[in-house]
Amino acid sequence: FERATSEVFNFDEPRQFSPVSKAIPEICGYLLQSSLWSEKHQMLRSFPDVDFFYIFYSLPYAIPALTYWEELSGEKSVSRKIDRILRFTLDRRIVGGPMNGAIYSEYADRDIVEKGQVPYGYAPYYTWHTKYPDERLVGMDQGCNRWITAHNMGAVLWSVTHVWRSRGKLPDDILSDARDVADWMLRY
């Protein structure tokens, strides 16, 4: 917030801060709606009431808004949701094969996939498995394009470092997994 207002927009009068100050609670109010939170998977949904999670676009937009709200409001429930979002993403890295350690750009509940209710343009990609082979999620990439994997990994890593910079700390397991993501990116 401070960087955006001082360096990006060069605000110097109090009246200029008002629209930005009002937008943060509105955005976070939207992100914290029950229709956007999957209790089943403990993750922020990409579409209301549909257990579909688009990592590539969700994290870079939601994480900064939620961390700012965490700082402004001090709500512990927001902190827990941020940690669950990061944990969800990092726990679902691909296990085995040439993509070992990568993270799919999307995940959908298997019921949605089996019923053909995956949003248009998203194709299931079943080749590799996450470390939870029995869970009800299917990893996929939009149109099965593997180029998006590197972009997605960068989004995950950026999100983790954003939360770390914001809080000044993160649980060791999240930092360790984030290092593994960075190592994966350096290898490819």
N, C-alpha and C. Protein backbone atom coordinates (compact mmCIF):
# COMPACT_ATOMS: atom_id res chain seq x y z
N PHE A 1 0.83 -1.19 0.00
CA PHE A 1 0.00 0.00 0.00
C PHE A 1 0.87 1.25 0.00
N GLU A 2 1.84 1.26 0.91
CA GLU A 2 2.71 2.45 1.00
C GLU A 2 3.50 2.64 -0.29
N ARG A 3 4.04 1.53 -0.83
CA ARG A 3 4.83 1.62 -2.05
C ARG A 3 3.96 2.09 -3.22
N ALA A 4 2.76 1.50 -3.33
CA ALA A 4 1.87 1.88 -4.44
C ALA A 4 1.48 3.34 -4.37
N THR A 5 1.17 3.81 -3.18
CA THR A 5 0.72 5.20 -3.06
C THR A 5 1.86 6.20 -3.19
N SER A 6 3.04 5.85 -2.72
CA SER A 6 4.13 6.82 -2.76
C SER A 6 4.98 6.72 -4.03
N GLU A 7 5.31 5.51 -4.47
CA GLU A 7 6.22 5.36 -5.60
C GLU A 7 5.50 5.21 -6.94
N VAL A 8 4.38 4.48 -6.96
CA VAL A 8 3.69 4.25 -8.22
C VAL A 8 2.78 5.42 -8.58
N PHE A 9 1.90 5.82 -7.64
CA PHE A 9 0.95 6.89 -7.92
C PHE A 9 1.42 8.27 -7.49
N ASN A 10 2.48 8.34 -6.69
CA ASN A 10 3.01 9.61 -6.21
C ASN A 10 1.97 10.46 -5.49
N PHE A 11 1.16 9.82 -4.65
CA PHE A 11 0.16 10.56 -3.88
C PHE A 11 0.88 11.46 -2.87
N ASP A 12 0.40 12.68 -2.74
CA ASP A 12 0.98 13.57 -1.74
C ASP A 12 -0.08 14.31 -0.93
N GLU A 13 -1.37 14.10 -1.24
CA GLU A 13 -2.44 14.74 -0.50
C GLU A 13 -3.36 13.66 0.08
N PRO A 14 -3.83 13.85 1.32
CA PRO A 14 -4.68 12.85 1.97
C PRO A 14 -5.90 12.44 1.15
N ARG A 15 -6.53 13.36 0.43
CA ARG A 15 -7.74 13.03 -0.33
C ARG A 15 -7.46 11.98 -1.42
N GLN A 16 -6.21 11.88 -1.87
CA GLN A 16 -5.87 10.93 -2.92
C GLN A 16 -5.87 9.48 -2.40
N PHE A 17 -5.70 9.30 -1.10
CA PHE A 17 -5.64 7.96 -0.54
C PHE A 17 -7.01 7.31 -0.41
N SER A 18 -8.05 8.10 -0.36
CA SER A 18 -9.38 7.60 -0.07
C SER A 18 -9.86 6.47 -0.99
N PRO A 19 -9.78 6.60 -2.32
CA PRO A 19 -10.26 5.50 -3.17
C PRO A 19 -9.49 4.19 -2.93
N VAL A 20 -8.20 4.29 -2.72
CA VAL A 20 -7.40 3.09 -2.48
C VAL A 20 -7.76 2.48 -1.13
N SER A 21 -7.91 3.32 -0.13
CA SER A 21 -8.26 2.84 1.21
C SER A 21 -9.62 2.15 1.22
N LYS A 22 -10.56 2.65 0.43
CA LYS A 22 -11.89 2.06 0.37
C LYS A 22 -11.90 0.77 -0.45
N ALA A 23 -11.03 0.67 -1.42
CA ALA A 23 -11.02 -0.50 -2.31
C ALA A 23 -10.54 -1.77 -1.60
N ILE A 24 -9.57 -1.64 -0.71
CA ILE A 24 -9.00 -2.83 -0.06
C ILE A 24 -10.06 -3.61 0.72
N PRO A 25 -10.83 -2.98 1.60
CA PRO A 25 -11.87 -3.75 2.31
C PRO A 25 -12.92 -4.35 1.37
N GLU A 26 -13.25 -3.63 0.29
CA GLU A 26 -14.24 -4.15 -0.66
C GLU A 26 -13.71 -5.40 -1.38
N ILE A 27 -12.47 -5.35 -1.83
CA ILE A 27 -11.86 -6.50 -2.50
C ILE A 27 -11.78 -7.68 -1.55
N CYS A 28 -11.32 -7.41 -0.35
CA CYS A 28 -11.18 -8.49 0.63
C CYS A 28 -12.53 -9.03 1.07
N GLY A 29 -13.52 -8.16 1.17
CA GLY A 29 -14.87 -8.63 1.48
C GLY A 29 -15.35 -9.61 0.43
N TYR A 30 -15.03 -9.33 -0.83
CA TYR A 30 -15.39 -10.25 -1.91
C TYR A 30 -14.61 -11.57 -1.79
N LEU A 31 -13.31 -11.47 -1.58
CA LEU A 31 -12.47 -12.67 -1.50
C LEU A 31 -12.81 -13.55 -0.30
N LEU A 32 -13.34 -12.97 0.75
CA LEU A 32 -13.62 -13.73 1.96
C LEU A 32 -15.07 -14.24 2.02
N GLN A 33 -15.83 -14.07 0.93
CA GLN A 33 -17.19 -14.61 0.89
C GLN A 33 -17.16 -16.12 1.02
N SER A 34 -18.16 -16.67 1.66
CA SER A 34 -18.21 -18.13 1.82
C SER A 34 -18.33 -18.85 0.49
N SER A 35 -18.92 -18.22 -0.53
CA SER A 35 -19.07 -18.88 -1.83
C SER A 35 -17.72 -19.02 -2.55
N LEU A 36 -16.73 -18.23 -2.14
CA LEU A 36 -15.41 -18.32 -2.78
C LEU A 36 -14.41 -19.17 -1.99
N TRP A 37 -14.82 -19.67 -0.82
CA TRP A 37 -13.91 -20.49 -0.01
C TRP A 37 -14.41 -21.92 0.01
N SER A 38 -13.56 -22.85 -0.38
CA SER A 38 -13.92 -24.26 -0.35
C SER A 38 -13.53 -24.84 1.01
N GLU A 39 -14.52 -25.16 1.82
CA GLU A 39 -14.25 -25.81 3.10
C GLU A 39 -13.68 -27.20 2.86
N LYS A 40 -14.18 -27.86 1.84
CA LYS A 40 -13.74 -29.22 1.52
C LYS A 40 -12.24 -29.28 1.23
N HIS A 41 -11.76 -28.34 0.42
CA HIS A 41 -10.35 -28.35 0.01
C HIS A 41 -9.50 -27.29 0.70
N GLN A 42 -10.12 -26.44 1.53
CA GLN A 42 -9.41 -25.37 2.24
C GLN A 42 -8.61 -24.50 1.28
N MET A 43 -9.32 -23.96 0.28
CA MET A 43 -8.68 -23.17 -0.75
C MET A 43 -9.65 -22.14 -1.29
N LEU A 44 -9.12 -21.03 -1.80
CA LEU A 44 -9.89 -19.98 -2.44
C LEU A 44 -10.30 -20.45 -3.84
N ARG A 45 -11.59 -20.43 -4.12
CA ARG A 45 -12.10 -20.87 -5.43
C ARG A 45 -11.89 -19.79 -6.48
N SER A 46 -11.82 -20.22 -7.74
CA SER A 46 -11.75 -19.27 -8.85
C SER A 46 -13.13 -18.83 -9.31
N PHE A 47 -14.14 -19.67 -9.07
CA PHE A 47 -15.52 -19.38 -9.44
C PHE A 47 -16.40 -19.64 -8.21
N PRO A 48 -17.38 -18.77 -7.93
CA PRO A 48 -18.23 -19.00 -6.75
C PRO A 48 -18.90 -20.37 -6.77
N ASP A 49 -18.86 -21.05 -5.63
CA ASP A 49 -19.54 -22.32 -5.40
C ASP A 49 -19.08 -23.47 -6.30
N VAL A 50 -17.94 -23.33 -6.97
CA VAL A 50 -17.41 -24.41 -7.82
C VAL A 50 -15.99 -24.72 -7.34
N ASP A 51 -15.74 -25.98 -7.00
CA ASP A 51 -14.41 -26.34 -6.51
C ASP A 51 -13.42 -26.46 -7.67
N PHE A 52 -13.09 -25.31 -8.22
CA PHE A 52 -12.11 -25.16 -9.30
C PHE A 52 -11.13 -24.09 -8.84
N PHE A 53 -9.85 -24.40 -8.92
CA PHE A 53 -8.83 -23.52 -8.35
C PHE A 53 -7.79 -23.21 -9.42
N TYR A 54 -7.75 -21.97 -9.87
CA TYR A 54 -6.82 -21.54 -10.90
C TYR A 54 -5.66 -20.84 -10.20
N ILE A 55 -4.60 -21.58 -9.96
CA ILE A 55 -3.45 -21.11 -9.20
C ILE A 55 -2.79 -19.91 -9.87
N PHE A 56 -2.59 -20.00 -11.17
CA PHE A 56 -1.83 -19.00 -11.91
C PHE A 56 -2.42 -17.61 -11.78
N TYR A 57 -3.74 -17.50 -11.82
CA TYR A 57 -4.36 -16.18 -11.69
C TYR A 57 -4.82 -15.87 -10.28
N SER A 58 -5.18 -16.87 -9.51
CA SER A 58 -5.69 -16.61 -8.16
C SER A 58 -4.64 -16.04 -7.23
N LEU A 59 -3.49 -16.68 -7.15
CA LEU A 59 -2.50 -16.26 -6.15
C LEU A 59 -1.99 -14.84 -6.34
N PRO A 60 -1.52 -14.45 -7.53
CA PRO A 60 -0.96 -13.10 -7.65
C PRO A 60 -1.94 -11.97 -7.38
N TYR A 61 -3.24 -12.24 -7.50
CA TYR A 61 -4.23 -11.21 -7.22
C TYR A 61 -4.74 -11.28 -5.79
N ALA A 62 -5.03 -12.48 -5.32
CA ALA A 62 -5.64 -12.64 -4.00
C ALA A 62 -4.64 -12.45 -2.86
N ILE A 63 -3.45 -12.99 -2.99
CA ILE A 63 -2.50 -12.95 -1.88
C ILE A 63 -2.15 -11.52 -1.46
N PRO A 64 -1.81 -10.60 -2.38
CA PRO A 64 -1.51 -9.23 -1.93
C PRO A 64 -2.71 -8.57 -1.24
N ALA A 65 -3.90 -8.75 -1.78
CA ALA A 65 -5.08 -8.15 -1.15
C ALA A 65 -5.30 -8.72 0.25
N LEU A 66 -5.18 -10.04 0.37
CA LEU A 66 -5.39 -10.66 1.68
C LEU A 66 -4.30 -10.30 2.69
N THR A 67 -3.05 -10.19 2.24
CA THR A 67 -1.99 -9.81 3.18
C THR A 67 -2.16 -8.35 3.64
N TYR A 68 -2.61 -7.48 2.74
CA TYR A 68 -2.88 -6.10 3.15
C TYR A 68 -4.02 -6.06 4.16
N TRP A 69 -5.06 -6.86 3.90
CA TRP A 69 -6.18 -6.90 4.83
C TRP A 69 -5.74 -7.50 6.17
N GLU A 70 -4.87 -8.49 6.11
CA GLU A 70 -4.32 -9.08 7.34
C GLU A 70 -3.62 -8.00 8.17
N GLU A 71 -2.83 -7.16 7.52
CA GLU A 71 -2.12 -6.08 8.21
C GLU A 71 -3.08 -5.02 8.75
N LEU A 72 -4.06 -4.64 7.94
CA LEU A 72 -4.98 -3.58 8.35
C LEU A 72 -5.97 -4.01 9.42
N SER A 73 -6.48 -5.23 9.30
CA SER A 73 -7.55 -5.67 10.20
C SER A 73 -7.05 -6.47 11.40
N GLY A 74 -5.93 -7.19 11.21
CA GLY A 74 -5.43 -8.06 12.26
C GLY A 74 -6.27 -9.31 12.47
N GLU A 75 -7.18 -9.60 11.55
CA GLU A 75 -8.05 -10.77 11.66
C GLU A 75 -7.23 -12.06 11.52
N LYS A 76 -7.29 -12.91 12.53
CA LYS A 76 -6.56 -14.18 12.52
C LYS A 76 -7.12 -15.13 11.47
N SER A 77 -8.42 -15.03 11.18
CA SER A 77 -9.01 -15.93 10.18
C SER A 77 -8.40 -15.68 8.79
N VAL A 78 -8.04 -14.44 8.51
CA VAL A 78 -7.41 -14.11 7.23
C VAL A 78 -6.02 -14.73 7.18
N SER A 79 -5.28 -14.65 8.28
CA SER A 79 -3.94 -15.25 8.34
C SER A 79 -4.02 -16.74 8.10
N ARG A 80 -5.00 -17.40 8.71
CA ARG A 80 -5.15 -18.85 8.53
C ARG A 80 -5.47 -19.19 7.08
N LYS A 81 -6.32 -18.39 6.45
CA LYS A 81 -6.67 -18.66 5.05
C LYS A 81 -5.46 -18.47 4.14
N ILE A 82 -4.68 -17.46 4.39
CA ILE A 82 -3.47 -17.25 3.58
C ILE A 82 -2.55 -18.46 3.71
N ASP A 83 -2.33 -18.92 4.94
CA ASP A 83 -1.48 -20.10 5.15
C ASP A 83 -2.04 -21.33 4.46
N ARG A 84 -3.36 -21.50 4.50
CA ARG A 84 -3.98 -22.66 3.86
C ARG A 84 -3.86 -22.60 2.34
N ILE A 85 -3.98 -21.40 1.78
CA ILE A 85 -3.82 -21.22 0.33
C ILE A 85 -2.41 -21.63 -0.08
N LEU A 86 -1.41 -21.13 0.65
CA LEU A 86 -0.02 -21.49 0.34
C LEU A 86 0.22 -22.98 0.51
N ARG A 87 -0.28 -23.54 1.60
CA ARG A 87 -0.09 -24.96 1.88
C ARG A 87 -0.77 -25.83 0.83
N PHE A 88 -2.00 -25.45 0.43
CA PHE A 88 -2.72 -26.18 -0.61
C PHE A 88 -1.86 -26.26 -1.87
N THR A 89 -1.34 -25.12 -2.28
CA THR A 89 -0.57 -25.05 -3.52
C THR A 89 0.72 -25.84 -3.43
N LEU A 90 1.47 -25.65 -2.37
CA LEU A 90 2.77 -26.31 -2.24
C LEU A 90 2.64 -27.81 -2.01
N ASP A 91 1.56 -28.24 -1.39
CA ASP A 91 1.37 -29.68 -1.14
C ASP A 91 0.98 -30.45 -2.39
N ARG A 92 0.63 -29.78 -3.45
CA ARG A 92 0.14 -30.48 -4.63
C ARG A 92 1.13 -30.45 -5.79
N ARG A 93 2.39 -30.50 -5.45
CA ARG A 93 3.39 -30.59 -6.51
C ARG A 93 3.34 -31.99 -7.14
N ILE A 94 3.67 -32.06 -8.40
CA ILE A 94 3.66 -33.32 -9.14
C ILE A 94 4.75 -34.24 -8.60
N VAL A 95 4.42 -35.51 -8.45
CA VAL A 95 5.37 -36.50 -7.96
C VAL A 95 5.66 -37.48 -9.09
N GLY A 96 6.93 -37.62 -9.45
CA GLY A 96 7.34 -38.57 -10.46
C GLY A 96 7.36 -37.98 -11.86
N GLY A 97 8.05 -38.68 -12.75
CA GLY A 97 8.12 -38.27 -14.14
C GLY A 97 8.97 -37.04 -14.37
N PRO A 98 9.01 -36.57 -15.61
CA PRO A 98 9.87 -35.43 -15.94
C PRO A 98 9.40 -34.11 -15.32
N MET A 99 8.15 -34.04 -14.89
CA MET A 99 7.63 -32.82 -14.28
C MET A 99 7.66 -32.90 -12.75
N ASN A 100 8.41 -33.83 -12.21
CA ASN A 100 8.50 -34.00 -10.76
C ASN A 100 8.80 -32.67 -10.07
N GLY A 101 7.95 -32.31 -9.11
CA GLY A 101 8.15 -31.08 -8.36
C GLY A 101 7.38 -29.89 -8.89
N ALA A 102 6.85 -29.98 -10.10
CA ALA A 102 6.09 -28.85 -10.68
C ALA A 102 4.71 -28.78 -10.06
N ILE A 103 4.04 -27.67 -10.28
CA ILE A 103 2.69 -27.46 -9.76
C ILE A 103 1.78 -27.18 -10.95
N TYR A 104 0.67 -27.91 -11.03
CA TYR A 104 -0.30 -27.63 -12.09
C TYR A 104 -0.82 -26.21 -11.95
N SER A 105 -1.29 -25.64 -13.05
CA SER A 105 -1.83 -24.28 -12.98
C SER A 105 -3.28 -24.28 -12.51
N GLU A 106 -3.96 -25.42 -12.61
CA GLU A 106 -5.34 -25.51 -12.14
C GLU A 106 -5.57 -26.85 -11.45
N TYR A 107 -6.55 -26.83 -10.56
CA TYR A 107 -7.02 -28.05 -9.91
C TYR A 107 -8.53 -27.98 -9.88
N ALA A 108 -9.16 -29.12 -10.09
CA ALA A 108 -10.62 -29.19 -10.01
C ALA A 108 -11.01 -30.42 -9.22
N ASP A 109 -12.12 -30.32 -8.52
CA ASP A 109 -12.65 -31.48 -7.82
C ASP A 109 -12.99 -32.54 -8.87
N ARG A 110 -12.65 -33.77 -8.58
CA ARG A 110 -12.86 -34.87 -9.54
C ARG A 110 -14.34 -34.97 -9.95
N ASP A 111 -15.27 -34.65 -9.05
CA ASP A 111 -16.70 -34.70 -9.39
C ASP A 111 -17.03 -33.75 -10.54
N ILE A 112 -16.44 -32.57 -10.53
CA ILE A 112 -16.67 -31.58 -11.58
C ILE A 112 -16.16 -32.11 -12.91
N VAL A 113 -14.98 -32.72 -12.88
CA VAL A 113 -14.37 -33.25 -14.10
C VAL A 113 -15.21 -34.40 -14.64
N GLU A 114 -15.62 -35.32 -13.77
CA GLU A 114 -16.39 -36.49 -14.20
C GLU A 114 -17.76 -36.10 -14.75
N LYS A 115 -18.33 -35.01 -14.28
CA LYS A 115 -19.64 -34.55 -14.75
C LYS A 115 -19.51 -33.61 -15.96
N GLY A 116 -18.27 -33.34 -16.39
CA GLY A 116 -18.06 -32.46 -17.53
C GLY A 116 -18.35 -31.00 -17.23
N GLN A 117 -18.19 -30.59 -15.97
CA GLN A 117 -18.50 -29.22 -15.57
C GLN A 117 -17.26 -28.34 -15.43
N VAL A 118 -16.15 -28.77 -16.00
CA VAL A 118 -14.93 -27.96 -15.96
C VAL A 118 -15.17 -26.73 -16.82
N PRO A 119 -14.84 -25.54 -16.33
CA PRO A 119 -15.04 -24.33 -17.13
C PRO A 119 -14.42 -24.46 -18.52
N TYR A 120 -15.05 -23.83 -19.49
CA TYR A 120 -14.61 -23.92 -20.88
C TYR A 120 -13.14 -23.54 -21.03
N GLY A 121 -12.41 -24.33 -21.81
CA GLY A 121 -11.01 -24.04 -22.09
C GLY A 121 -10.03 -24.72 -21.15
N TYR A 122 -10.53 -25.43 -20.15
CA TYR A 122 -9.65 -26.09 -19.19
C TYR A 122 -9.72 -27.59 -19.43
N ALA A 123 -8.59 -28.17 -19.73
CA ALA A 123 -8.56 -29.59 -20.08
C ALA A 123 -7.86 -30.40 -19.01
N PRO A 124 -8.50 -31.46 -18.51
CA PRO A 124 -7.83 -32.32 -17.52
C PRO A 124 -6.56 -32.92 -18.09
N TYR A 125 -5.57 -33.04 -17.25
CA TYR A 125 -4.29 -33.61 -17.66
C TYR A 125 -3.90 -34.61 -16.59
N TYR A 126 -4.11 -35.87 -16.87
CA TYR A 126 -3.99 -36.91 -15.85
C TYR A 126 -2.62 -37.61 -15.80
N THR A 127 -1.67 -37.22 -16.58
CA THR A 127 -0.45 -37.99 -16.71
C THR A 127 0.31 -38.19 -15.42
N TRP A 128 0.47 -37.12 -14.62
CA TRP A 128 1.26 -37.23 -13.39
C TRP A 128 0.37 -37.06 -12.17
N HIS A 129 0.86 -37.45 -11.04
CA HIS A 129 0.07 -37.42 -9.81
C HIS A 129 0.72 -36.52 -8.77
N THR A 130 -0.11 -36.00 -7.88
CA THR A 130 0.41 -35.26 -6.74
C THR A 130 0.70 -36.25 -5.62
N LYS A 131 1.23 -35.76 -4.51
CA LYS A 131 1.55 -36.67 -3.42
C LYS A 131 0.31 -37.18 -2.69
N TYR A 132 -0.86 -36.74 -3.15
CA TYR A 132 -2.13 -37.22 -2.60
C TYR A 132 -2.91 -37.92 -3.71
N PRO A 133 -2.47 -39.11 -4.15
CA PRO A 133 -3.11 -39.75 -5.31
C PRO A 133 -4.57 -40.11 -5.10
N ASP A 134 -5.01 -40.25 -3.87
CA ASP A 134 -6.39 -40.66 -3.61
C ASP A 134 -7.33 -39.49 -3.38
N GLU A 135 -6.81 -38.27 -3.38
CA GLU A 135 -7.71 -37.15 -3.11
C GLU A 135 -8.59 -36.87 -4.31
N ARG A 136 -9.60 -36.09 -4.10
CA ARG A 136 -10.62 -35.84 -5.11
C ARG A 136 -10.28 -34.66 -6.01
N LEU A 137 -9.01 -34.34 -6.18
CA LEU A 137 -8.63 -33.24 -7.06
C LEU A 137 -7.91 -33.77 -8.30
N VAL A 138 -8.14 -33.10 -9.41
CA VAL A 138 -7.46 -33.42 -10.65
C VAL A 138 -6.61 -32.21 -11.03
N GLY A 139 -5.31 -32.44 -11.26
CA GLY A 139 -4.44 -31.36 -11.71
C GLY A 139 -4.56 -31.22 -13.22
N MET A 140 -4.53 -29.99 -13.69
CA MET A 140 -4.65 -29.76 -15.13
C MET A 140 -3.95 -28.46 -15.49
N ASP A 141 -3.74 -28.29 -16.77
CA ASP A 141 -3.21 -27.04 -17.30
C ASP A 141 -4.11 -26.60 -18.43
N GLN A 142 -4.31 -25.31 -18.56
CA GLN A 142 -5.23 -24.79 -19.56
C GLN A 142 -4.85 -25.29 -20.94
N GLY A 143 -5.76 -26.01 -21.57
CA GLY A 143 -5.49 -26.53 -22.90
C GLY A 143 -4.31 -27.48 -22.94
N CYS A 144 -3.91 -28.02 -21.81
CA CYS A 144 -2.73 -28.91 -21.70
C CYS A 144 -1.45 -28.24 -22.19
N ASN A 145 -1.36 -26.94 -22.06
CA ASN A 145 -0.16 -26.22 -22.47
C ASN A 145 0.87 -26.25 -21.36
N ARG A 146 1.99 -26.91 -21.57
CA ARG A 146 3.02 -27.03 -20.56
C ARG A 146 3.83 -25.75 -20.37
N TRP A 147 3.72 -24.80 -21.30
CA TRP A 147 4.45 -23.54 -21.13
C TRP A 147 3.99 -22.79 -19.91
N ILE A 148 2.72 -23.01 -19.52
CA ILE A 148 2.18 -22.25 -18.40
C ILE A 148 2.76 -22.72 -17.06
N THR A 149 3.35 -23.92 -17.03
CA THR A 149 3.88 -24.45 -15.78
C THR A 149 4.93 -23.52 -15.18
N ALA A 150 5.88 -23.07 -15.98
CA ALA A 150 6.92 -22.18 -15.46
C ALA A 150 6.32 -20.86 -14.96
N HIS A 151 5.35 -20.32 -15.68
CA HIS A 151 4.69 -19.10 -15.23
C HIS A 151 3.97 -19.34 -13.91
N ASN A 152 3.31 -20.48 -13.82
CA ASN A 152 2.59 -20.84 -12.60
C ASN A 152 3.54 -20.98 -11.43
N MET A 153 4.66 -21.65 -11.65
CA MET A 153 5.64 -21.84 -10.57
C MET A 153 6.15 -20.48 -10.09
N GLY A 154 6.37 -19.56 -11.02
CA GLY A 154 6.79 -18.21 -10.65
C GLY A 154 5.72 -17.50 -9.83
N ALA A 155 4.45 -17.69 -10.18
CA ALA A 155 3.36 -17.08 -9.42
C ALA A 155 3.31 -17.63 -8.00
N VAL A 156 3.52 -18.92 -7.85
CA VAL A 156 3.53 -19.54 -6.52
C VAL A 156 4.69 -18.99 -5.70
N LEU A 157 5.87 -18.98 -6.29
CA LEU A 157 7.05 -18.50 -5.58
C LEU A 157 6.90 -17.02 -5.21
N TRP A 158 6.40 -16.22 -6.14
CA TRP A 158 6.18 -14.80 -5.85
C TRP A 158 5.20 -14.64 -4.69
N SER A 159 4.13 -15.43 -4.67
CA SER A 159 3.12 -15.33 -3.61
C SER A 159 3.70 -15.67 -2.25
N VAL A 160 4.50 -16.73 -2.20
CA VAL A 160 5.13 -17.11 -0.93
C VAL A 160 6.06 -16.01 -0.45
N THR A 161 6.88 -15.48 -1.34
CA THR A 161 7.81 -14.43 -0.92
C THR A 161 7.07 -13.15 -0.54
N HIS A 162 5.94 -12.87 -1.19
CA HIS A 162 5.14 -11.69 -0.83
C HIS A 162 4.65 -11.81 0.62
N VAL A 163 4.13 -12.98 0.98
CA VAL A 163 3.64 -13.19 2.35
C VAL A 163 4.80 -13.12 3.33
N TRP A 164 5.92 -13.71 2.97
CA TRP A 164 7.11 -13.69 3.83
C TRP A 164 7.59 -12.26 4.07
N ARG A 165 7.65 -11.45 3.00
CA ARG A 165 8.05 -10.05 3.14
C ARG A 165 7.05 -9.27 3.98
N SER A 166 5.78 -9.54 3.78
CA SER A 166 4.73 -8.83 4.51
C SER A 166 4.77 -9.13 6.01
N ARG A 167 4.94 -10.40 6.34
CA ARG A 167 4.92 -10.81 7.74
C ARG A 167 6.29 -10.79 8.41
N GLY A 168 7.32 -10.94 7.58
CA GLY A 168 8.67 -11.05 8.14
C GLY A 168 8.99 -12.46 8.60
N LYS A 169 8.05 -13.38 8.39
CA LYS A 169 8.28 -14.78 8.78
C LYS A 169 7.23 -15.66 8.12
N LEU A 170 7.54 -16.94 8.05
CA LEU A 170 6.62 -17.96 7.58
C LEU A 170 7.00 -19.27 8.26
N PRO A 171 6.07 -20.22 8.35
CA PRO A 171 6.46 -21.52 8.91
C PRO A 171 7.58 -22.16 8.10
N ASP A 172 8.47 -22.87 8.78
CA ASP A 172 9.63 -23.48 8.12
C ASP A 172 9.24 -24.41 6.98
N ASP A 173 8.15 -25.16 7.14
CA ASP A 173 7.76 -26.10 6.09
C ASP A 173 7.35 -25.37 4.81
N ILE A 174 6.71 -24.22 4.93
CA ILE A 174 6.33 -23.45 3.74
C ILE A 174 7.59 -22.88 3.07
N LEU A 175 8.51 -22.36 3.86
CA LEU A 175 9.76 -21.83 3.28
C LEU A 175 10.57 -22.94 2.60
N SER A 176 10.62 -24.10 3.22
CA SER A 176 11.35 -25.23 2.65
C SER A 176 10.74 -25.65 1.31
N ASP A 177 9.42 -25.75 1.27
CA ASP A 177 8.76 -26.12 0.02
C ASP A 177 8.95 -25.04 -1.04
N ALA A 178 8.95 -23.79 -0.64
CA ALA A 178 9.18 -22.69 -1.58
C ALA A 178 10.59 -22.77 -2.17
N ARG A 179 11.56 -23.16 -1.34
CA ARG A 179 12.92 -23.36 -1.86
C ARG A 179 12.95 -24.46 -2.91
N ASP A 180 12.18 -25.52 -2.68
CA ASP A 180 12.09 -26.60 -3.67
C ASP A 180 11.50 -26.11 -4.98
N VAL A 181 10.50 -25.22 -4.90
CA VAL A 181 9.90 -24.63 -6.10
C VAL A 181 10.95 -23.81 -6.85
N ALA A 182 11.71 -23.01 -6.11
CA ALA A 182 12.77 -22.20 -6.73
C ALA A 182 13.82 -23.10 -7.39
N ASP A 183 14.20 -24.18 -6.71
CA ASP A 183 15.17 -25.12 -7.29
C ASP A 183 14.62 -25.74 -8.58
N TRP A 184 13.32 -26.08 -8.58
CA TRP A 184 12.72 -26.63 -9.79
C TRP A 184 12.83 -25.64 -10.94
N MET A 185 12.52 -24.38 -10.65
CA MET A 185 12.58 -23.36 -11.70
C MET A 185 14.00 -23.18 -12.23
N LEU A 186 14.99 -23.28 -11.36
CA LEU A 186 16.38 -23.12 -11.80
C LEU A 186 16.85 -24.30 -12.65
N ARG A 187 16.28 -25.47 -12.41
CA ARG A 187 16.65 -26.65 -13.19
C ARG A 187 16.10 -26.59 -14.60
N TYR A 188 14.95 -25.96 -14.78
CA TYR A 188 14.29 -25.95 -16.10
C TYR A 188 14.35 -24.60 -16.66
